[in-house]
Protein backbone atom coordinates (compact mmCIF):
# COMPACT_ATOMS: atom_id res chain seq x y z
CA MET A 1 8.93 -69.68 19.32
CA THR A 2 11.80 -70.29 16.90
CA LYS A 3 14.08 -67.53 15.63
CA SER A 4 12.58 -67.86 12.15
CA ASN A 5 9.06 -67.33 13.52
CA VAL A 6 10.16 -64.25 15.48
CA PHE A 7 11.79 -62.80 12.39
CA LEU A 8 8.69 -63.48 10.26
CA THR A 9 6.41 -61.87 12.86
CA LEU A 10 8.61 -58.74 12.98
CA VAL A 11 8.61 -58.40 9.18
CA LEU A 12 4.80 -58.73 9.01
CA SER A 13 4.32 -56.08 11.75
CA ILE A 14 6.51 -53.56 9.94
CA ALA A 15 4.72 -54.20 6.65
CA ALA A 16 1.29 -53.73 8.29
CA GLY A 17 2.41 -50.45 9.82
CA LEU A 18 3.62 -49.10 6.51
CA ILE A 19 0.36 -50.02 4.77
CA THR A 20 -1.73 -48.39 7.54
CA SER A 21 0.35 -45.19 7.38
CA ALA A 22 0.05 -45.05 3.62
CA PHE A 23 -3.74 -45.40 3.67
CA GLY A 24 -4.01 -42.88 6.51
CA PHE A 25 -2.00 -40.25 4.59
CA TRP A 26 -4.08 -40.85 1.45
CA SER A 27 -7.28 -40.41 3.45
CA VAL A 28 -6.19 -37.06 4.93
CA THR A 29 -4.94 -35.78 1.58
CA GLU A 30 -8.20 -36.77 -0.11
CA LYS A 31 -10.27 -34.90 2.49
CA GLU A 32 -8.21 -31.71 2.19
CA SER A 33 -8.39 -31.85 -1.60
CA ALA A 34 -12.14 -32.40 -1.55
CA SER A 35 -12.64 -29.55 0.91
CA THR A 36 -10.55 -27.20 -1.23
CA SER A 37 -12.34 -28.05 -4.46
CA ALA A 38 -15.77 -27.60 -2.83
CA ALA A 39 -15.00 -24.15 -1.43
CA PRO A 40 -16.87 -21.36 -3.25
CA LYS A 41 -14.69 -19.11 -5.37
CA ASP A 42 -14.80 -15.38 -4.76
CA PRO A 43 -15.86 -13.25 -7.74
CA THR A 44 -13.19 -11.30 -9.58
CA PRO A 45 -15.05 -8.13 -10.58
CA SER A 46 -13.42 -5.16 -12.19
CA THR A 47 -12.97 -2.04 -10.08
CA LEU A 48 -14.52 1.30 -10.94
CA SER A 49 -12.34 4.34 -11.47
CA ALA A 50 -12.96 7.94 -10.49
CA PRO A 51 -10.96 11.10 -9.82
CA THR A 52 -9.62 11.71 -6.32
CA PRO A 53 -8.80 14.90 -4.37
CA GLU A 54 -5.28 16.07 -5.08
CA ASN A 55 -2.93 18.79 -3.88
CA LEU A 56 -4.75 19.21 -0.57
CA PRO A 57 -3.01 19.63 2.80
CA ASP A 58 -3.22 16.80 5.32
CA VAL A 59 -5.47 17.27 8.33
CA GLN A 60 -3.55 17.99 11.53
CA SER A 61 -4.34 16.39 14.88
CA ASP A 62 -3.95 19.78 16.57
CA ILE A 63 -5.99 21.63 13.95
CA VAL A 64 -7.54 24.88 15.16
CA LEU A 65 -11.10 25.05 13.90
CA ALA A 66 -12.32 28.52 13.05
CA ASP A 67 -15.94 29.64 13.03
CA PRO A 68 -16.22 31.70 9.83
CA GLU A 69 -19.21 33.86 9.20
CA VAL A 70 -21.45 32.51 6.46
CA VAL A 71 -22.68 34.98 3.88
CA PRO A 72 -26.34 34.12 3.21
CA PRO A 73 -27.63 34.00 -0.37
CA THR A 74 -29.11 37.24 -1.64
CA ALA A 75 -32.08 35.66 -3.37
CA PRO A 76 -33.33 32.40 -1.83
CA LEU A 77 -34.72 30.01 -4.38
CA THR A 78 -37.72 27.74 -3.92
CA PRO A 79 -36.65 24.11 -4.34
CA GLU A 80 -38.20 22.53 -7.39
CA PRO A 81 -40.06 19.24 -6.81
CA ALA A 82 -38.22 16.12 -7.91
CA PRO A 83 -39.52 14.60 -11.16
CA SER A 84 -41.77 11.56 -10.73
CA ASN A 85 -39.78 9.53 -13.24
CA PRO A 86 -36.18 10.75 -13.04
CA ALA A 87 -33.99 9.89 -15.99
CA PRO A 88 -31.08 7.56 -15.19
CA ILE A 89 -27.73 9.27 -14.79
CA THR A 90 -24.20 8.16 -15.46
CA PRO A 91 -22.34 7.79 -12.15
CA GLN A 92 -20.02 10.75 -11.71
CA PRO A 93 -18.04 10.87 -8.45
CA PRO A 94 -17.15 14.18 -6.79
CA VAL A 95 -14.38 16.30 -8.25
CA PRO A 96 -13.15 18.32 -5.25
CA GLN A 97 -10.74 20.43 -7.29
CA ARG A 98 -13.57 21.99 -9.32
CA PRO A 99 -13.58 25.82 -8.91
CA LEU A 100 -16.34 27.22 -6.72
CA ALA A 101 -17.01 30.00 -9.22
CA SER A 102 -18.61 27.47 -11.56
CA VAL A 103 -21.08 26.49 -8.83
CA SER A 104 -22.06 29.58 -6.91
CA SER A 105 -20.70 33.03 -6.12
CA ALA A 106 -22.99 33.50 -3.09
CA PHE A 107 -20.88 31.37 -0.74
CA ALA A 108 -17.22 31.37 0.19
CA GLN A 109 -15.36 28.22 -0.78
CA PRO A 110 -14.96 25.88 2.21
CA ARG A 111 -11.55 24.93 3.48
CA GLU A 112 -10.53 21.49 2.18
CA VAL A 113 -8.02 19.05 3.70
CA LYS A 114 -7.42 15.31 3.46
CA ALA A 115 -6.61 12.45 5.82
CA THR A 116 -5.33 8.96 5.08
CA VAL A 117 -7.54 6.01 6.08
CA HIS A 118 -6.10 2.59 6.93
CA PRO A 119 -6.73 0.08 4.11
CA THR A 120 -8.60 -2.30 6.43
CA ASN A 121 -11.36 0.29 6.72
CA TYR A 122 -12.32 0.53 3.05
CA GLY A 123 -12.34 -1.61 -0.10
CA GLU A 124 -12.77 -1.66 -3.86
CA ARG A 125 -15.98 -0.88 -5.70
CA PHE A 126 -17.15 -3.98 -7.56
CA ALA A 127 -18.52 -4.15 -11.10
CA LYS A 128 -20.14 -7.52 -10.28
CA ASN A 129 -21.86 -8.95 -7.21
CA VAL A 130 -21.03 -12.27 -5.54
CA GLN A 131 -23.23 -14.10 -8.07
CA GLY A 132 -21.15 -12.67 -10.92
CA GLN A 133 -23.96 -10.37 -12.10
CA SER A 134 -23.04 -6.91 -13.38
CA VAL A 135 -24.12 -4.00 -11.18
CA GLN A 136 -24.72 -0.53 -12.61
CA ASN A 137 -26.38 1.44 -9.83
CA ASN A 138 -26.42 5.21 -10.04
CA TRP A 139 -24.53 7.13 -7.38
CA LEU A 140 -26.17 7.58 -3.99
CA ILE A 141 -25.28 10.16 -1.32
CA VAL A 142 -25.66 8.87 2.26
CA LEU A 143 -25.53 11.39 5.11
CA HIS A 144 -24.14 10.52 8.56
CA GLU A 145 -23.01 12.14 11.78
CA THR A 146 -19.96 11.27 13.88
CA VAL A 147 -21.60 11.13 17.37
CA GLY A 148 -18.30 12.38 18.75
CA SER A 149 -15.59 14.73 17.59
CA GLY A 150 -14.48 14.73 13.99
CA MET A 151 -10.89 13.97 14.99
CA SER A 152 -11.96 10.94 17.05
CA ALA A 153 -13.72 9.55 13.97
CA ILE A 154 -10.63 10.14 11.83
CA ARG A 155 -8.40 8.41 14.39
CA HIS A 156 -10.74 5.40 14.32
CA PHE A 157 -10.51 5.24 10.52
CA GLN A 158 -6.72 5.44 10.69
CA THR A 159 -6.54 2.48 13.10
CA PRO A 160 -6.17 -1.04 11.60
CA HIS A 161 -9.32 -3.12 12.09
CA PRO A 162 -8.92 -6.72 10.87
CA ARG A 163 -12.41 -7.71 12.08
CA ASP A 164 -15.28 -6.88 9.72
CA GLU A 165 -17.51 -5.65 12.55
CA ASP A 166 -14.95 -2.98 13.54
CA GLN A 167 -14.31 -1.58 10.06
CA ALA A 168 -15.86 1.79 9.23
CA SER A 169 -15.19 4.88 7.15
CA TYR A 170 -16.68 7.81 5.22
CA HIS A 171 -15.63 9.41 1.98
CA ALA A 172 -15.80 12.91 3.47
CA LEU A 173 -16.34 14.50 6.87
CA ILE A 174 -17.40 18.08 7.57
CA PHE A 175 -16.17 19.74 10.76
CA LEU A 176 -18.30 22.15 12.77
CA ASP A 177 -16.51 25.11 11.16
CA GLY A 178 -17.32 23.83 7.66
CA THR A 179 -13.89 22.37 6.87
CA ILE A 180 -14.23 19.41 4.49
CA VAL A 181 -11.92 16.47 5.21
CA TYR A 182 -11.59 14.02 2.31
CA LEU A 183 -11.01 10.49 3.63
CA VAL A 184 -11.66 7.50 1.36
CA PRO A 185 -11.14 8.37 -2.34
CA PRO A 186 -14.43 8.23 -4.30
CA GLU A 187 -13.30 5.35 -6.50
CA HIS A 188 -13.09 3.17 -3.38
CA ARG A 189 -15.90 1.71 -1.29
CA ALA A 190 -16.21 3.27 2.16
CA PHE A 191 -17.70 1.08 4.88
CA GLY A 192 -20.45 3.48 5.94
CA ALA A 193 -23.63 1.38 5.99
CA GLY A 194 -23.22 -2.34 6.58
CA ASN A 195 -26.69 -3.88 6.35
CA SER A 196 -28.57 -1.42 4.17
CA VAL A 197 -30.88 -0.88 1.20
CA PHE A 198 -32.04 2.20 -0.71
CA ILE A 199 -35.69 2.33 -1.75
CA GLY A 200 -36.06 4.73 -4.66
CA ALA A 201 -37.60 5.13 -8.10
CA ASN A 202 -35.83 1.97 -9.26
CA GLY A 203 -37.09 -0.12 -6.33
CA PRO A 204 -34.87 -1.67 -3.64
CA GLU A 205 -31.15 -1.22 -4.35
CA ALA A 206 -28.35 -3.08 -2.56
CA VAL A 207 -25.29 -5.00 -3.71
CA LYS A 208 -23.82 -8.08 -2.01
CA THR A 209 -20.03 -7.99 -2.40
CA ASN A 210 -19.08 -10.45 0.35
CA PRO A 211 -20.71 -13.90 0.67
CA ASP A 212 -20.39 -13.71 4.46
CA LEU A 213 -21.96 -10.25 4.91
CA PRO A 214 -25.39 -8.74 4.14
CA ALA A 215 -25.99 -6.73 0.98
CA SER A 216 -25.55 -2.97 1.32
CA VAL A 217 -25.52 0.34 -0.52
CA ASN A 218 -21.77 0.79 -0.01
CA ASN A 219 -20.84 -0.30 -3.53
CA PHE A 220 -22.58 2.73 -5.09
CA ALA A 221 -22.71 5.15 -2.16
CA TYR A 222 -20.70 8.28 -1.42
CA HIS A 223 -20.75 8.64 2.38
CA ILE A 224 -20.57 12.12 3.93
CA ALA A 225 -20.60 12.70 7.69
CA LEU A 226 -21.24 15.83 9.72
CA GLU A 227 -19.32 16.35 12.95
CA THR A 228 -21.80 16.11 15.82
CA PRO A 229 -22.04 19.22 18.04
CA PRO A 230 -20.80 18.83 21.66
CA ASP A 231 -24.33 18.53 23.06
CA GLY A 232 -24.97 15.53 20.82
CA ASN A 233 -22.32 13.14 22.12
CA HIS A 234 -24.93 10.71 23.45
CA ASN A 235 -27.46 8.16 22.22
CA GLY A 236 -30.46 10.47 22.56
CA PRO A 237 -32.82 11.20 19.66
CA SER A 238 -31.72 14.81 19.06
CA HIS A 239 -29.22 17.57 19.75
CA GLY A 240 -28.72 21.28 19.08
CA GLY A 241 -28.23 20.83 15.34
CA TYR A 242 -25.45 21.50 12.87
CA SER A 243 -23.76 24.80 12.08
CA GLU A 244 -24.57 27.04 9.14
CA SER A 245 -21.03 26.40 7.92
CA GLN A 246 -21.68 22.67 7.83
CA TYR A 247 -24.88 23.06 5.79
CA GLN A 248 -23.07 25.40 3.42
CA SER A 249 -20.15 23.01 2.89
CA LEU A 250 -22.45 20.00 2.54
CA ALA A 251 -24.58 21.66 -0.13
CA TRP A 252 -21.46 22.93 -1.91
CA LEU A 253 -19.87 19.47 -1.96
CA ILE A 254 -22.98 17.57 -3.05
CA ALA A 255 -23.75 20.07 -5.81
CA ARG A 256 -20.35 19.34 -7.30
CA THR A 257 -21.08 15.60 -7.49
CA GLY A 258 -24.03 16.08 -9.83
CA VAL A 259 -26.08 13.55 -7.85
CA PRO A 260 -29.79 14.53 -8.01
CA SER A 261 -31.70 15.32 -4.83
CA GLN A 262 -33.86 12.19 -5.10
CA ARG A 263 -30.72 10.12 -4.57
CA ILE A 264 -29.64 11.86 -1.39
CA THR A 265 -30.58 9.90 1.72
CA THR A 266 -29.53 9.27 5.33
CA HIS A 267 -27.97 6.42 7.23
CA ALA A 268 -31.19 6.12 9.23
CA LYS A 269 -33.26 5.60 6.07
CA VAL A 270 -31.05 2.96 4.44
CA ASP A 271 -30.27 1.01 7.61
CA ARG A 272 -32.10 -2.33 7.78
CA SER A 273 -31.35 -3.04 11.43
CA GLY A 274 -33.47 -0.15 12.69
CA GLU A 275 -30.64 0.88 15.03
CA ARG A 276 -29.34 3.94 13.16
CA SER A 277 -30.82 7.41 13.52
CA ASP A 278 -28.14 9.65 12.03
CA PRO A 279 -27.89 12.38 11.15
CA ARG A 280 -30.09 13.45 14.07
CA SER A 281 -31.66 16.92 14.14
CA PHE A 282 -30.85 17.46 10.47
CA ASP A 283 -32.73 20.41 8.93
CA PHE A 284 -33.73 19.12 5.50
CA SER A 285 -35.57 22.33 4.63
CA LYS A 286 -32.47 24.46 5.16
CA PHE A 287 -30.24 21.99 3.36
CA ASN A 288 -32.54 21.59 0.34
CA THR A 289 -32.82 25.36 -0.06
CA MET A 290 -29.04 25.74 -0.13
CA LEU A 291 -28.61 22.76 -2.43
CA GLN A 292 -31.11 24.04 -4.98
CA GLN A 293 -29.27 27.36 -5.08
CA PHE A 294 -26.04 25.58 -5.94
CA TYR A 295 -27.75 23.37 -8.51
CA ALA A 296 -29.39 26.38 -10.16
CA ARG A 297 -26.09 28.24 -10.50
CA SER A 298 -23.88 25.34 -11.52
């Protein structure tokens, strides 16, 4: 082979390599661009605003829980039946700083503290679902229990959880002695009931806020948990029940939200997996009697 042929062959090889590289780069770039443009866009809903607890002391890890005596009401009231066609209400989150005197003088005001929850364990309330449709559900109270100590639940909420399946939180937690711990502010969405739906006067209610997760009641729910008594730290169907102080604080707190009794439910009732049973051993008769007394005197 002559020198001129060798030189020509070398030039052609280099040119072929450059053309192949150029087409290969274009092919990769085109695929990435197509993949990006085809990806669904997340909705950009507006957040809802609401007042939050202020000027409350932080909960302490070494908190000493008292067992105060509860003064029973002097004149028990018979709960009135819920109306068959309740009028829609304007969502009004809890206002923890409201004076007890405007609600009831028969009970002593519960102790109130607050604890900070890690941002991975709660989110924003959305004004639109993933389809871009406006959502205007009325407020819903969902009752839970901790199935463990109250402090262990708080420590879990204060721990970062990047995985969706590990994220959890409540808006408020009530210790055995009746102390109310405010956790997630009411204007934010606590992760209390993942795959859930509320069946009420308006039919099935659930809002899908994440395209990768099931719809739930979290977007319009205010989650309240009761600390489980020591004999209930298991997966059994029941335990010894909650303290009088817990029922008192629960009724006191819910009465201040203005949420009607027909929109108070439990984790067990809204759960679609059939795996939740909390709050176990909850005395609805006792609770409803206390709640109606607060409602009547508010």
